[in-house]
Amino acid sequence: MKARPSKKTLRKLYLEKGFSLREIASKYDVHWSTIRRWLEESKIKAHGIGKRSKLGKFKLSTLEKGVRKYGVRGFARKLGIHEDTLRRYLKKALEKTNNS
């Protein structure tokens, strides 16, 4: 486990950069619930899932090109998100496209 981030760092990652609890947890090698507790202790209010997505601003074709070029892990790192977040987003976006 890495050292606990400061309140300023938590605020920046969570509120300004829009990282999810899981993404921050991955960065600090702790469970996401630990990040939630740290947020509560720092008086930073947790928000819902819809407010933080960075991926909605990209076209699906752009994301697919990035994955082809860098791979899921590499492209996720370039975007500053966890690879599982990118996988889940692509899966949902592709399902939505196929159902249309």
PDB file of N, CA and C in Angstrom:
ATOM      1  N   MET A   1       0.842  -1.186   0.000  1.00  0.00           N
ATOM      2  CA  MET A   1       0.000   0.000   0.000  1.00  0.00           C
ATOM      3  C   MET A   1       0.881   1.241   0.000  1.00  0.00           C
ATOM      4  N   LYS A   2       0.539   2.169  -0.875  1.00  0.00           N
ATOM      5  CA  LYS A   2       1.233   3.452  -0.916  1.00  0.00           C
ATOM      6  C   LYS A   2       0.731   4.330   0.226  1.00  0.00           C
ATOM      7  N   ALA A   3       1.451   5.388   0.490  1.00  0.00           N
ATOM      8  CA  ALA A   3       1.041   6.316   1.545  1.00  0.00           C
ATOM      9  C   ALA A   3      -0.321   6.931   1.208  1.00  0.00           C
ATOM     10  N   ARG A   4      -1.077   7.208   2.245  1.00  0.00           N
ATOM     11  CA  ARG A   4      -2.393   7.817   2.069  1.00  0.00           C
ATOM     12  C   ARG A   4      -2.243   9.200   1.440  1.00  0.00           C
ATOM     13  N   PRO A   5      -3.074   9.492   0.416  1.00  0.00           N
ATOM     14  CA  PRO A   5      -2.981  10.806  -0.226  1.00  0.00           C
ATOM     15  C   PRO A   5      -3.532  11.906   0.680  1.00  0.00           C
ATOM     16  N   SER A   6      -3.079  13.100   0.445  1.00  0.00           N
ATOM     17  CA  SER A   6      -3.569  14.253   1.217  1.00  0.00           C
ATOM     18  C   SER A   6      -5.013  14.558   0.789  1.00  0.00           C
ATOM     19  N   LYS A   7      -5.682  15.370   1.598  1.00  0.00           N
ATOM     20  CA  LYS A   7      -7.043  15.805   1.265  1.00  0.00           C
ATOM     21  C   LYS A   7      -7.054  16.533  -0.074  1.00  0.00           C
ATOM     22  N   LYS A   8      -6.038  17.355  -0.309  1.00  0.00           N
ATOM     23  CA  LYS A   8      -5.931  18.112  -1.553  1.00  0.00           C
ATOM     24  C   LYS A   8      -5.807  17.159  -2.750  1.00  0.00           C
ATOM     25  N   THR A   9      -4.989  16.122  -2.608  1.00  0.00           N
ATOM     26  CA  THR A   9      -4.807  15.147  -3.686  1.00  0.00           C
ATOM     27  C   THR A   9      -6.092  14.375  -3.929  1.00  0.00           C
ATOM     28  N   LEU A  10      -6.754  13.939  -2.860  1.00  0.00           N
ATOM     29  CA  LEU A  10      -8.033  13.227  -3.005  1.00  0.00           C
ATOM     30  C   LEU A  10      -9.053  14.096  -3.730  1.00  0.00           C
ATOM     31  N   ARG A  11      -9.153  15.345  -3.312  1.00  0.00           N
ATOM     32  CA  ARG A  11     -10.097  16.277  -3.932  1.00  0.00           C
ATOM     33  C   ARG A  11      -9.789  16.434  -5.427  1.00  0.00           C
ATOM     34  N   LYS A  12      -8.516  16.577  -5.743  1.00  0.00           N
ATOM     35  CA  LYS A  12      -8.110  16.757  -7.134  1.00  0.00           C
ATOM     36  C   LYS A  12      -8.450  15.524  -7.974  1.00  0.00           C
ATOM     37  N   LEU A  13      -8.085  14.336  -7.492  1.00  0.00           N
ATOM     38  CA  LEU A  13      -8.342  13.099  -8.242  1.00  0.00           C
ATOM     39  C   LEU A  13      -9.834  12.837  -8.401  1.00  0.00           C
ATOM     40  N   TYR A  14     -10.578  12.992  -7.317  1.00  0.00           N
ATOM     41  CA  TYR A  14     -11.987  12.607  -7.318  1.00  0.00           C
ATOM     42  C   TYR A  14     -12.898  13.662  -7.927  1.00  0.00           C
ATOM     43  N   LEU A  15     -12.739  14.894  -7.510  1.00  0.00           N
ATOM     44  CA  LEU A  15     -13.652  15.940  -7.966  1.00  0.00           C
ATOM     45  C   LEU A  15     -13.191  16.638  -9.247  1.00  0.00           C
ATOM     46  N   GLU A  16     -11.918  16.964  -9.341  1.00  0.00           N
ATOM     47  CA  GLU A  16     -11.448  17.721 -10.507  1.00  0.00           C
ATOM     48  C   GLU A  16     -11.154  16.822 -11.710  1.00  0.00           C
ATOM     49  N   LYS A  17     -10.441  15.723 -11.478  1.00  0.00           N
ATOM     50  CA  LYS A  17     -10.091  14.837 -12.590  1.00  0.00           C
ATOM     51  C   LYS A  17     -11.160  13.781 -12.866  1.00  0.00           C
ATOM     52  N   GLY A  18     -12.081  13.600 -11.927  1.00  0.00           N
ATOM     53  CA  GLY A  18     -13.195  12.687 -12.154  1.00  0.00           C
ATOM     54  C   GLY A  18     -12.872  11.209 -12.012  1.00  0.00           C
ATOM     55  N   PHE A  19     -11.801  10.863 -11.295  1.00  0.00           N
ATOM     56  CA  PHE A  19     -11.471   9.456 -11.102  1.00  0.00           C
ATOM     57  C   PHE A  19     -12.546   8.790 -10.244  1.00  0.00           C
ATOM     58  N   SER A  20     -12.827   7.529 -10.532  1.00  0.00           N
ATOM     59  CA  SER A  20     -13.778   6.771  -9.722  1.00  0.00           C
ATOM     60  C   SER A  20     -13.082   6.291  -8.448  1.00  0.00           C
ATOM     61  N   LEU A  21     -13.873   5.808  -7.500  1.00  0.00           N
ATOM     62  CA  LEU A  21     -13.299   5.258  -6.266  1.00  0.00           C
ATOM     63  C   LEU A  21     -12.355   4.115  -6.602  1.00  0.00           C
ATOM     64  N   ARG A  22     -12.779   3.269  -7.538  1.00  0.00           N
ATOM     65  CA  ARG A  22     -11.952   2.115  -7.923  1.00  0.00           C
ATOM     66  C   ARG A  22     -10.654   2.547  -8.601  1.00  0.00           C
ATOM     67  N   GLU A  23     -10.715   3.581  -9.406  1.00  0.00           N
ATOM     68  CA  GLU A  23      -9.510   4.069 -10.076  1.00  0.00           C
ATOM     69  C   GLU A  23      -8.505   4.631  -9.060  1.00  0.00           C
ATOM     70  N   ILE A  24      -9.001   5.378  -8.093  1.00  0.00           N
ATOM     71  CA  ILE A  24      -8.119   5.918  -7.050  1.00  0.00           C
ATOM     72  C   ILE A  24      -7.576   4.777  -6.199  1.00  0.00           C
ATOM     73  N   ALA A  25      -8.437   3.815  -5.888  1.00  0.00           N
ATOM     74  CA  ALA A  25      -8.019   2.659  -5.085  1.00  0.00           C
ATOM     75  C   ALA A  25      -6.908   1.894  -5.791  1.00  0.00           C
ATOM     76  N   SER A  26      -7.031   1.732  -7.091  1.00  0.00           N
ATOM     77  CA  SER A  26      -6.011   1.037  -7.868  1.00  0.00           C
ATOM     78  C   SER A  26      -4.680   1.780  -7.797  1.00  0.00           C
ATOM     79  N   LYS A  27      -4.749   3.087  -7.853  1.00  0.00           N
ATOM     80  CA  LYS A  27      -3.549   3.939  -7.786  1.00  0.00           C
ATOM     81  C   LYS A  27      -2.819   3.784  -6.451  1.00  0.00           C
ATOM     82  N   TYR A  28      -3.582   3.616  -5.368  1.00  0.00           N
ATOM     83  CA  TYR A  28      -3.002   3.533  -4.028  1.00  0.00           C
ATOM     84  C   TYR A  28      -2.973   2.115  -3.465  1.00  0.00           C
ATOM     85  N   ASP A  29      -3.356   1.153  -4.303  1.00  0.00           N
ATOM     86  CA  ASP A  29      -3.316  -0.266  -3.937  1.00  0.00           C
ATOM     87  C   ASP A  29      -4.111  -0.566  -2.662  1.00  0.00           C
ATOM     88  N   VAL A  30      -5.334  -0.029  -2.628  1.00  0.00           N
ATOM     89  CA  VAL A  30      -6.258  -0.284  -1.517  1.00  0.00           C
ATOM     90  C   VAL A  30      -7.633  -0.627  -2.098  1.00  0.00           C
ATOM     91  N   HIS A  31      -8.546  -1.061  -1.266  1.00  0.00           N
ATOM     92  CA  HIS A  31      -9.911  -1.360  -1.682  1.00  0.00           C
ATOM     93  C   HIS A  31     -10.685  -0.054  -1.878  1.00  0.00           C
ATOM     94  N   TRP A  32     -11.663  -0.077  -2.791  1.00  0.00           N
ATOM     95  CA  TRP A  32     -12.426   1.152  -3.057  1.00  0.00           C
ATOM     96  C   TRP A  32     -13.131   1.678  -1.823  1.00  0.00           C
ATOM     97  N   SER A  33     -13.523   0.767  -0.915  1.00  0.00           N
ATOM     98  CA  SER A  33     -14.210   1.229   0.296  1.00  0.00           C
ATOM     99  C   SER A  33     -13.273   2.045   1.198  1.00  0.00           C
ATOM    100  N   THR A  34     -11.987   1.774   1.104  1.00  0.00           N
ATOM    101  CA  THR A  34     -11.001   2.568   1.851  1.00  0.00           C
ATOM    102  C   THR A  34     -11.000   3.995   1.315  1.00  0.00           C
ATOM    103  N   ILE A  35     -11.082   4.136   0.004  1.00  0.00           N
ATOM    104  CA  ILE A  35     -11.122   5.466  -0.598  1.00  0.00           C
ATOM    105  C   ILE A  35     -12.383   6.203  -0.161  1.00  0.00           C
ATOM    106  N   ARG A  36     -13.521   5.503  -0.138  1.00  0.00           N
ATOM    107  CA  ARG A  36     -14.768   6.125   0.325  1.00  0.00           C
ATOM    108  C   ARG A  36     -14.606   6.626   1.757  1.00  0.00           C
ATOM    109  N   ARG A  37     -13.992   5.808   2.601  1.00  0.00           N
ATOM    110  CA  ARG A  37     -13.778   6.203   4.003  1.00  0.00           C
ATOM    111  C   ARG A  37     -12.865   7.425   4.071  1.00  0.00           C
ATOM    112  N   TRP A  38     -11.791   7.427   3.270  1.00  0.00           N
ATOM    113  CA  TRP A  38     -10.885   8.573   3.259  1.00  0.00           C
ATOM    114  C   TRP A  38     -11.607   9.834   2.806  1.00  0.00           C
ATOM    115  N   LEU A  39     -12.489   9.701   1.827  1.00  0.00           N
ATOM    116  CA  LEU A  39     -13.267  10.853   1.368  1.00  0.00           C
ATOM    117  C   LEU A  39     -14.155  11.377   2.500  1.00  0.00           C
ATOM    118  N   GLU A  40     -14.829  10.451   3.181  1.00  0.00           N
ATOM    119  CA  GLU A  40     -15.708  10.843   4.296  1.00  0.00           C
ATOM    120  C   GLU A  40     -14.907  11.538   5.394  1.00  0.00           C
ATOM    121  N   GLU A  41     -13.752  10.972   5.729  1.00  0.00           N
ATOM    122  CA  GLU A  41     -12.910  11.565   6.773  1.00  0.00           C
ATOM    123  C   GLU A  41     -12.390  12.944   6.363  1.00  0.00           C
ATOM    124  N   SER A  42     -12.224  13.142   5.063  1.00  0.00           N
ATOM    125  CA  SER A  42     -11.747  14.424   4.536  1.00  0.00           C
ATOM    126  C   SER A  42     -12.885  15.399   4.241  1.00  0.00           C
ATOM    127  N   LYS A  43     -14.121  14.984   4.566  1.00  0.00           N
ATOM    128  CA  LYS A  43     -15.319  15.814   4.341  1.00  0.00           C
ATOM    129  C   LYS A  43     -15.541  16.124   2.857  1.00  0.00           C
ATOM    130  N   ILE A  44     -15.182  15.150   1.984  1.00  0.00           N
ATOM    131  CA  ILE A  44     -15.414  15.272   0.549  1.00  0.00           C
ATOM    132  C   ILE A  44     -16.617  14.396   0.224  1.00  0.00           C
ATOM    133  N   LYS A  45     -17.652  15.020  -0.308  1.00  0.00           N
ATOM    134  CA  LYS A  45     -18.890  14.296  -0.560  1.00  0.00           C
ATOM    135  C   LYS A  45     -18.763  13.419  -1.813  1.00  0.00           C
ATOM    136  N   ALA A  46     -19.093  12.133  -1.673  1.00  0.00           N
ATOM    137  CA  ALA A  46     -19.077  11.203  -2.802  1.00  0.00           C
ATOM    138  C   ALA A  46     -20.275  11.498  -3.703  1.00  0.00           C
ATOM    139  N   HIS A  47     -20.087  11.326  -5.006  1.00  0.00           N
ATOM    140  CA  HIS A  47     -21.167  11.594  -5.952  1.00  0.00           C
ATOM    141  C   HIS A  47     -21.519  10.329  -6.726  1.00  0.00           C
ATOM    142  N   GLY A  48     -22.585  10.398  -7.483  1.00  0.00           N
ATOM    143  CA  GLY A  48     -23.053   9.258  -8.267  1.00  0.00           C
ATOM    144  C   GLY A  48     -22.214   9.012  -9.501  1.00  0.00           C
ATOM    145  N   ILE A  49     -22.466   7.909 -10.151  1.00  0.00           N
ATOM    146  CA  ILE A  49     -21.669   7.467 -11.285  1.00  0.00           C
ATOM    147  C   ILE A  49     -21.763   8.393 -12.497  1.00  0.00           C
ATOM    148  N   GLY A  50     -22.909   8.962 -12.769  1.00  0.00           N
ATOM    149  CA  GLY A  50     -23.099   9.755 -13.976  1.00  0.00           C
ATOM    150  C   GLY A  50     -22.266  11.017 -14.034  1.00  0.00           C
ATOM    151  N   LYS A  51     -21.905  11.550 -12.905  1.00  0.00           N
ATOM    152  CA  LYS A  51     -21.201  12.828 -12.849  1.00  0.00           C
ATOM    153  C   LYS A  51     -19.727  12.737 -13.230  1.00  0.00           C
ATOM    154  N   ARG A  52     -19.149  11.548 -13.170  1.00  0.00           N
ATOM    155  CA  ARG A  52     -17.705  11.468 -13.299  1.00  0.00           C
ATOM    156  C   ARG A  52     -17.174  10.880 -14.601  1.00  0.00           C
ATOM    157  N   SER A  53     -18.031  10.370 -15.467  1.00  0.00           N
ATOM    158  CA  SER A  53     -17.547   9.673 -16.654  1.00  0.00           C
ATOM    159  C   SER A  53     -16.795  10.595 -17.605  1.00  0.00           C
ATOM    160  N   LYS A  54     -15.554  10.227 -17.883  1.00  0.00           N
ATOM    161  CA  LYS A  54     -14.731  10.957 -18.840  1.00  0.00           C
ATOM    162  C   LYS A  54     -14.974  10.442 -20.253  1.00  0.00           C
ATOM    163  N   LEU A  55     -15.504   9.249 -20.352  1.00  0.00           N
ATOM    164  CA  LEU A  55     -15.582   8.572 -21.638  1.00  0.00           C
ATOM    165  C   LEU A  55     -16.724   9.053 -22.513  1.00  0.00           C
ATOM    166  N   GLY A  56     -17.743   9.656 -21.926  1.00  0.00           N
ATOM    167  CA  GLY A  56     -18.898  10.108 -22.684  1.00  0.00           C
ATOM    168  C   GLY A  56     -18.577  11.176 -23.715  1.00  0.00           C
ATOM    169  N   LYS A  57     -17.469  11.866 -23.541  1.00  0.00           N
ATOM    170  CA  LYS A  57     -17.123  12.931 -24.478  1.00  0.00           C
ATOM    171  C   LYS A  57     -16.435  12.401 -25.737  1.00  0.00           C
ATOM    172  N   PHE A  58     -16.101  11.093 -25.748  1.00  0.00           N
ATOM    173  CA  PHE A  58     -15.446  10.491 -26.905  1.00  0.00           C
ATOM    174  C   PHE A  58     -16.441   9.735 -27.776  1.00  0.00           C
ATOM    175  N   LYS A  59     -16.227   9.779 -29.084  1.00  0.00           N
ATOM    176  CA  LYS A  59     -17.014   8.945 -29.989  1.00  0.00           C
ATOM    177  C   LYS A  59     -16.539   7.511 -29.817  1.00  0.00           C
ATOM    178  N   LEU A  60     -17.449   6.566 -30.004  1.00  0.00           N
ATOM    179  CA  LEU A  60     -17.105   5.160 -29.878  1.00  0.00           C
ATOM    180  C   LEU A  60     -15.974   4.792 -30.844  1.00  0.00           C
ATOM    181  N   SER A  61     -16.013   5.331 -32.061  1.00  0.00           N
ATOM    182  CA  SER A  61     -14.973   5.020 -33.053  1.00  0.00           C
ATOM    183  C   SER A  61     -13.593   5.492 -32.578  1.00  0.00           C
ATOM    184  N   THR A  62     -13.541   6.620 -31.887  1.00  0.00           N
ATOM    185  CA  THR A  62     -12.277   7.138 -31.358  1.00  0.00           C
ATOM    186  C   THR A  62     -11.728   6.200 -30.292  1.00  0.00           C
ATOM    187  N   LEU A  63     -12.607   5.724 -29.416  1.00  0.00           N
ATOM    188  CA  LEU A  63     -12.182   4.788 -28.369  1.00  0.00           C
ATOM    189  C   LEU A  63     -11.693   3.483 -28.975  1.00  0.00           C
ATOM    190  N   GLU A  64     -12.407   2.997 -29.980  1.00  0.00           N
ATOM    191  CA  GLU A  64     -12.000   1.747 -30.629  1.00  0.00           C
ATOM    192  C   GLU A  64     -10.631   1.890 -31.291  1.00  0.00           C
ATOM    193  N   LYS A  65     -10.379   3.025 -31.944  1.00  0.00           N
ATOM    194  CA  LYS A  65      -9.074   3.271 -32.578  1.00  0.00           C
ATOM    195  C   LYS A  65      -7.963   3.293 -31.529  1.00  0.00           C
ATOM    196  N   GLY A  66      -8.232   3.943 -30.416  1.00  0.00           N
ATOM    197  CA  GLY A  66      -7.239   4.002 -29.341  1.00  0.00           C
ATOM    198  C   GLY A  66      -6.916   2.629 -28.789  1.00  0.00           C
ATOM    199  N   VAL A  67      -7.937   1.791 -28.641  1.00  0.00           N
ATOM    200  CA  VAL A  67      -7.732   0.430 -28.132  1.00  0.00           C
ATOM    201  C   VAL A  67      -6.930  -0.390 -29.139  1.00  0.00           C
ATOM    202  N   ARG A  68      -7.251  -0.224 -30.427  1.00  0.00           N
ATOM    203  CA  ARG A  68      -6.490  -0.964 -31.456  1.00  0.00           C
ATOM    204  C   ARG A  68      -5.020  -0.534 -31.471  1.00  0.00           C
ATOM    205  N   LYS A  69      -4.777   0.737 -31.268  1.00  0.00           N
ATOM    206  CA  LYS A  69      -3.413   1.256 -31.326  1.00  0.00           C
ATOM    207  C   LYS A  69      -2.592   0.917 -30.080  1.00  0.00           C
ATOM    208  N   TYR A  70      -3.181   1.087 -28.887  1.00  0.00           N
ATOM    209  CA  TYR A  70      -2.436   0.943 -27.641  1.00  0.00           C
ATOM    210  C   TYR A  70      -2.822  -0.274 -26.801  1.00  0.00           C
ATOM    211  N   GLY A  71      -3.918  -0.956 -27.157  1.00  0.00           N
ATOM    212  CA  GLY A  71      -4.443  -2.014 -26.309  1.00  0.00           C
ATOM    213  C   GLY A  71      -5.294  -1.389 -25.213  1.00  0.00           C
ATOM    214  N   VAL A  72      -6.110  -2.198 -24.567  1.00  0.00           N
ATOM    215  CA  VAL A  72      -7.015  -1.671 -23.535  1.00  0.00           C
ATOM    216  C   VAL A  72      -6.219  -1.061 -22.387  1.00  0.00           C
ATOM    217  N   ARG A  73      -5.245  -1.796 -21.885  1.00  0.00           N
ATOM    218  CA  ARG A  73      -4.481  -1.305 -20.733  1.00  0.00           C
ATOM    219  C   ARG A  73      -3.730  -0.015 -21.080  1.00  0.00           C
ATOM    220  N   GLY A  74      -3.034  -0.015 -22.215  1.00  0.00           N
ATOM    221  CA  GLY A  74      -2.255   1.153 -22.606  1.00  0.00           C
ATOM    222  C   GLY A  74      -3.123   2.375 -22.862  1.00  0.00           C
ATOM    223  N   PHE A  75      -4.263   2.175 -23.532  1.00  0.00           N
ATOM    224  CA  PHE A  75      -5.144   3.302 -23.829  1.00  0.00           C
ATOM    225  C   PHE A  75      -5.804   3.831 -22.552  1.00  0.00           C
ATOM    226  N   ALA A  76      -6.178   2.919 -21.668  1.00  0.00           N
ATOM    227  CA  ALA A  76      -6.766   3.348 -20.393  1.00  0.00           C
ATOM    228  C   ALA A  76      -5.773   4.205 -19.618  1.00  0.00           C
ATOM    229  N   ARG A  77      -4.518   3.805 -19.607  1.00  0.00           N
ATOM    230  CA  ARG A  77      -3.490   4.607 -18.918  1.00  0.00           C
ATOM    231  C   ARG A  77      -3.363   5.986 -19.543  1.00  0.00           C
ATOM    232  N   LYS A  78      -3.406   6.040 -20.880  1.00  0.00           N
ATOM    233  CA  LYS A  78      -3.327   7.334 -21.574  1.00  0.00           C
ATOM    234  C   LYS A  78      -4.500   8.238 -21.184  1.00  0.00           C
ATOM    235  N   LEU A  79      -5.681   7.627 -20.988  1.00  0.00           N
ATOM    236  CA  LEU A  79      -6.866   8.395 -20.611  1.00  0.00           C
ATOM    237  C   LEU A  79      -6.904   8.713 -19.117  1.00  0.00           C
ATOM    238  N   GLY A  80      -6.057   8.035 -18.339  1.00  0.00           N
ATOM    239  CA  GLY A  80      -6.032   8.252 -16.896  1.00  0.00           C
ATOM    240  C   GLY A  80      -7.159   7.552 -16.172  1.00  0.00           C
ATOM    241  N   ILE A  81      -7.598   6.411 -16.741  1.00  0.00           N
ATOM    242  CA  ILE A  81      -8.664   5.635 -16.103  1.00  0.00           C
ATOM    243  C   ILE A  81      -8.202   4.199 -15.944  1.00  0.00           C
ATOM    244  N   HIS A  82      -8.941   3.429 -15.177  1.00  0.00           N
ATOM    245  CA  HIS A  82      -8.621   2.019 -14.980  1.00  0.00           C
ATOM    246  C   HIS A  82      -9.076   1.242 -16.207  1.00  0.00           C
ATOM    247  N   GLU A  83      -8.324   0.210 -16.557  1.00  0.00           N
ATOM    248  CA  GLU A  83      -8.661  -0.573 -17.749  1.00  0.00           C
ATOM    249  C   GLU A  83     -10.043  -1.217 -17.655  1.00  0.00           C
ATOM    250  N   ASP A  84     -10.458  -1.614 -16.465  1.00  0.00           N
ATOM    251  CA  ASP A  84     -11.795  -2.212 -16.307  1.00  0.00           C
ATOM    252  C   ASP A  84     -12.895  -1.200 -16.609  1.00  0.00           C
ATOM    253  N   THR A  85     -12.651   0.061 -16.269  1.00  0.00           N
ATOM    254  CA  THR A  85     -13.616   1.114 -16.573  1.00  0.00           C
ATOM    255  C   THR A  85     -13.795   1.237 -18.084  1.00  0.00           C
ATOM    256  N   LEU A  86     -12.688   1.210 -18.812  1.00  0.00           N
ATOM    257  CA  LEU A  86     -12.743   1.297 -20.268  1.00  0.00           C
ATOM    258  C   LEU A  86     -13.453   0.078 -20.851  1.00  0.00           C
ATOM    259  N   ARG A  87     -13.140  -1.108 -20.352  1.00  0.00           N
ATOM    260  CA  ARG A  87     -13.800  -2.332 -20.842  1.00  0.00           C
ATOM    261  C   ARG A  87     -15.310  -2.270 -20.628  1.00  0.00           C
ATOM    262  N   ARG A  88     -15.729  -1.885 -19.416  1.00  0.00           N
ATOM    263  CA  ARG A  88     -17.170  -1.818 -19.111  1.00  0.00           C
ATOM    264  C   ARG A  88     -17.864  -0.801 -20.008  1.00  0.00           C
ATOM    265  N   TYR A  89     -17.238   0.354 -20.196  1.00  0.00           N
ATOM    266  CA  TYR A  89     -17.837   1.395 -21.022  1.00  0.00           C
ATOM    267  C   TYR A  89     -17.992   0.914 -22.459  1.00  0.00           C
ATOM    268  N   LEU A  90     -16.947   0.306 -23.017  1.00  0.00           N
ATOM    269  CA  LEU A  90     -17.006  -0.188 -24.389  1.00  0.00           C
ATOM    270  C   LEU A  90     -18.060  -1.279 -24.547  1.00  0.00           C
ATOM    271  N   LYS A  91     -18.135  -2.165 -23.574  1.00  0.00           N
ATOM    272  CA  LYS A  91     -19.122  -3.246 -23.632  1.00  0.00           C
ATOM    273  C   LYS A  91     -20.541  -2.676 -23.665  1.00  0.00           C
ATOM    274  N   LYS A  92     -20.820  -1.724 -22.769  1.00  0.00           N
ATOM    275  CA  LYS A  92     -22.152  -1.114 -22.728  1.00  0.00           C
ATOM    276  C   LYS A  92     -22.444  -0.332 -24.002  1.00  0.00           C
ATOM    277  N   ALA A  93     -21.449   0.392 -24.500  1.00  0.00           N
ATOM    278  CA  ALA A  93     -21.637   1.198 -25.711  1.00  0.00           C
ATOM    279  C   ALA A  93     -21.896   0.289 -26.918  1.00  0.00           C
ATOM    280  N   LEU A  94     -21.188  -0.805 -27.006  1.00  0.00           N
ATOM    281  CA  LEU A  94     -21.378  -1.739 -28.121  1.00  0.00           C
ATOM    282  C   LEU A  94     -22.744  -2.423 -28.039  1.00  0.00           C
ATOM    283  N   GLU A  95     -23.155  -2.775 -26.828  1.00  0.00           N
ATOM    284  CA  GLU A  95     -24.495  -3.381 -26.654  1.00  0.00           C
ATOM    285  C   GLU A  95     -25.568  -2.400 -27.066  1.00  0.00           C
ATOM    286  N   LYS A  96     -25.404  -1.149 -26.682  1.00  0.00           N
ATOM    287  CA  LYS A  96     -26.373  -0.108 -27.029  1.00  0.00           C
ATOM    288  C   LYS A  96     -26.442   0.065 -28.552  1.00  0.00           C
ATOM    289  N   THR A  97     -25.275   0.059 -29.205  1.00  0.00           N
ATOM    290  CA  THR A  97     -25.217   0.196 -30.660  1.00  0.00           C
ATOM    291  C   THR A  97     -25.878  -0.995 -31.358  1.00  0.00           C
ATOM    292  N   ASN A  98     -25.628  -2.188 -30.853  1.00  0.00           N
ATOM    293  CA  ASN A  98     -26.204  -3.397 -31.456  1.00  0.00           C
ATOM    294  C   ASN A  98     -27.710  -3.488 -31.261  1.00  0.00           C
ATOM    295  N   ASN A  99     -28.225  -2.896 -30.186  1.00  0.00           N
ATOM    296  CA  ASN A  99     -29.667  -2.929 -29.910  1.00  0.00           C
ATOM    297  C   ASN A  99     -30.429  -1.846 -30.672  1.00  0.00           C
ATOM    298  N   SER A 100     -29.714  -0.910 -31.255  1.00  0.00           N
ATOM    299  CA  SER A 100     -30.379   0.186 -31.986  1.00  0.00           C
ATOM    300  C   SER A 100     -30.801  -0.212 -33.374  1.00  0.00           C
TER     301      SER A 100
END
